[in-house]
Each structure stands twice: as C-alpha cells, then as structure tokens.
Amino acid sequence: MTFTLNESSLAAMHAHAREAYPDECCGMIIERDHRVEIVRVSNVQNDLHAQDPDQFPRTAATGYTMGPEAAPILIRSERGELRRPPGPHGPRVPVDPPGDREGSRENQGPSFTHRRIIP
C-alpha cells in the first residue's frame, strides 16, 4: 500500500515522540474516510511496572505496552473498517543496557518490525 504522509501528520508524529521521550511511545497511522490519520496510543508500561515489578521489570524507558484505547481501533481494522498504512510510529530507545536479558531482541516482540521515528 502506498500513501502520502502530509506535513501535519508528520508533525503530529514528531510531537508525540518528543512529548514521550525518553520513554517509548507508539501510535497508529490509519486511513479513515480517504485521509491519513495519526492516532496516539498510550504506553502503560510504567503502570504495569509499578504494580508488579517482578513480572514487568522494564519501565517505559525501554518497554512498551499498548494502552486500552488501541483495542477498538485494532478491532475495526481487523474487520476491514479502517485501512492501516505501514504501521505504528514511535521513538526508539537506542541501546539496551549490556547484559539486560529483558532488553534483548528476543524479548522485544514484534515492535522491532515496525518503523520508528526519532524526535
């Protein structure tokens, strides 16, 4: 799928990344009513870490868990009600601490396949 990302959409993505930095952030690029729309998605990783640091040892500085507001958008997309151009956006934490098992590529999940922007 090919689409054009206009300046205001790119600016919205950059603003989201700058506001979240140094924490991870993510959003969705969707097409709704023939226009590209940037949808911010919250990162609830710090909340999970605070509730159970043993189960969620990483903070939002190196981890990302999508907030609940993303579910309706993903469901609508799966039903074919929305088109999602290339995918999520968000900043990239450059390097995981050496020896950090939780920070290894194997534990990052599918986020490594998404395109990321750096503010």
Protein backbone atom coordinates (compact mmCIF):
# COMPACT_ATOMS: atom_id res chain seq x y z
CA MET A 1 0.00 0.00 0.00
CA THR A 2 1.30 3.44 -0.89
CA PHE A 3 0.22 6.65 0.74
CA THR A 4 1.49 10.17 1.25
CA LEU A 5 2.15 11.39 4.75
CA ASN A 6 1.43 15.12 4.82
CA GLU A 7 3.42 17.66 6.84
CA SER A 8 0.78 17.98 9.59
CA SER A 9 0.70 14.20 10.10
CA LEU A 10 4.47 14.05 10.28
CA ALA A 11 4.46 16.98 12.71
CA ALA A 12 1.89 15.16 14.88
CA MET A 13 4.11 12.07 14.98
CA HIS A 14 7.17 14.12 15.88
CA ALA A 15 5.25 15.97 18.61
CA HIS A 16 4.09 12.69 20.13
CA ALA A 17 7.63 11.31 20.11
CA ARG A 18 9.09 14.49 21.63
CA GLU A 19 6.46 14.56 24.40
CA ALA A 20 7.08 10.93 25.33
CA TYR A 21 10.87 11.00 25.07
CA PRO A 22 12.89 9.44 26.69
CA ASP A 23 10.10 6.87 27.14
CA GLU A 24 8.90 4.65 24.33
CA CYS A 25 5.75 5.73 22.55
CA CYS A 26 3.67 4.37 19.76
CA GLY A 27 0.75 5.32 17.62
CA MET A 28 -1.08 4.12 14.57
CA ILE A 29 -1.19 5.52 11.08
CA ILE A 30 -4.62 4.72 9.71
CA GLU A 31 -6.68 5.74 6.74
CA ARG A 32 -10.21 6.84 7.60
CA ASP A 33 -12.60 8.42 5.09
CA HIS A 34 -9.80 8.62 2.49
CA ARG A 35 -7.45 10.60 4.73
CA VAL A 36 -4.43 9.54 6.71
CA GLU A 37 -4.89 9.95 10.44
CA ILE A 38 -2.33 9.75 13.24
CA VAL A 39 -3.69 8.05 16.37
CA ARG A 40 -1.70 8.30 19.59
CA VAL A 41 -1.64 5.24 21.83
CA SER A 42 -0.61 5.48 25.46
CA ASN A 43 2.21 3.45 26.99
CA VAL A 44 1.01 1.76 30.19
CA GLN A 45 4.38 0.08 30.86
CA ASN A 46 5.19 2.32 33.87
CA ASP A 47 1.82 1.47 35.45
CA LEU A 48 2.43 -2.25 34.99
CA HIS A 49 5.96 -1.94 36.35
CA ALA A 50 4.69 -0.07 39.43
CA GLN A 51 2.02 -2.72 40.08
CA ASP A 52 4.30 -5.75 39.64
CA PRO A 53 7.99 -5.04 39.03
CA ASP A 54 8.85 -8.74 39.09
CA GLN A 55 6.51 -9.56 36.22
CA PHE A 56 7.17 -6.25 34.41
CA PRO A 57 10.83 -5.44 35.17
CA ARG A 58 11.14 -2.82 32.43
CA THR A 59 9.86 0.74 32.63
CA ALA A 60 8.58 2.79 29.70
CA ALA A 61 12.17 3.92 29.09
CA THR A 62 12.89 0.53 27.46
CA GLY A 63 9.48 -1.13 27.20
CA TYR A 64 6.12 -0.56 25.63
CA THR A 65 2.65 -1.92 26.37
CA MET A 66 -0.24 -0.54 24.36
CA GLY A 67 -2.95 1.28 26.30
CA PRO A 68 -6.55 0.04 26.19
CA GLU A 69 -7.68 2.81 23.84
CA ALA A 70 -5.93 0.98 20.99
CA ALA A 71 -8.23 -2.06 21.10
CA PRO A 72 -11.26 -0.56 19.32
CA ILE A 73 -9.05 0.77 16.52
CA LEU A 74 -7.33 -2.58 16.04
CA ILE A 75 -10.66 -4.42 16.05
CA ARG A 76 -12.12 -2.05 13.45
CA SER A 77 -9.01 -2.50 11.34
CA GLU A 78 -9.24 -6.29 11.51
CA ARG A 79 -12.89 -6.07 10.44
CA GLY A 80 -11.81 -4.07 7.41
CA GLU A 81 -13.49 -0.87 8.61
CA LEU A 82 -10.18 1.02 8.62
CA ARG A 83 -7.09 0.79 6.48
CA ARG A 84 -3.75 0.88 8.23
CA PRO A 85 -0.90 2.10 6.07
CA PRO A 86 2.62 1.00 7.11
CA GLY A 87 2.02 0.75 10.84
CA PRO A 88 2.95 2.11 14.21
CA HIS A 89 5.20 5.06 14.90
CA GLY A 90 7.23 5.90 17.96
CA PRO A 91 10.67 6.80 19.26
CA ARG A 92 13.39 4.22 19.51
CA VAL A 93 15.48 3.71 22.60
CA PRO A 94 18.94 3.43 21.04
CA VAL A 95 20.64 0.74 23.14
CA ASP A 96 19.59 -1.68 25.83
CA PRO A 97 21.90 -1.93 28.84
CA PRO A 98 24.60 -4.59 28.40
CA GLY A 99 23.55 -7.91 29.87
CA ASP A 100 19.91 -6.86 30.17
CA ARG A 101 18.09 -10.10 29.32
CA GLU A 102 14.73 -8.31 29.29
CA GLY A 103 16.13 -5.84 26.79
CA SER A 104 17.27 -8.42 24.27
CA ARG A 105 15.79 -8.56 20.78
CA GLU A 106 14.14 -11.88 21.58
CA ASN A 107 12.11 -10.26 24.34
CA GLN A 108 11.17 -7.11 22.43
CA GLY A 109 8.43 -8.84 20.48
CA PRO A 110 7.06 -7.59 17.20
CA SER A 111 7.91 -3.93 17.82
CA PHE A 112 11.27 -4.49 16.11
CA THR A 113 9.47 -5.00 12.82
CA HIS A 114 7.74 -1.60 12.92
CA ARG A 115 9.13 1.58 11.51
CA ARG A 116 10.17 4.04 14.19
CA ILE A 117 10.95 7.74 14.17
CA ILE A 118 13.32 9.57 16.47
CA PRO A 119 12.33 13.08 17.52
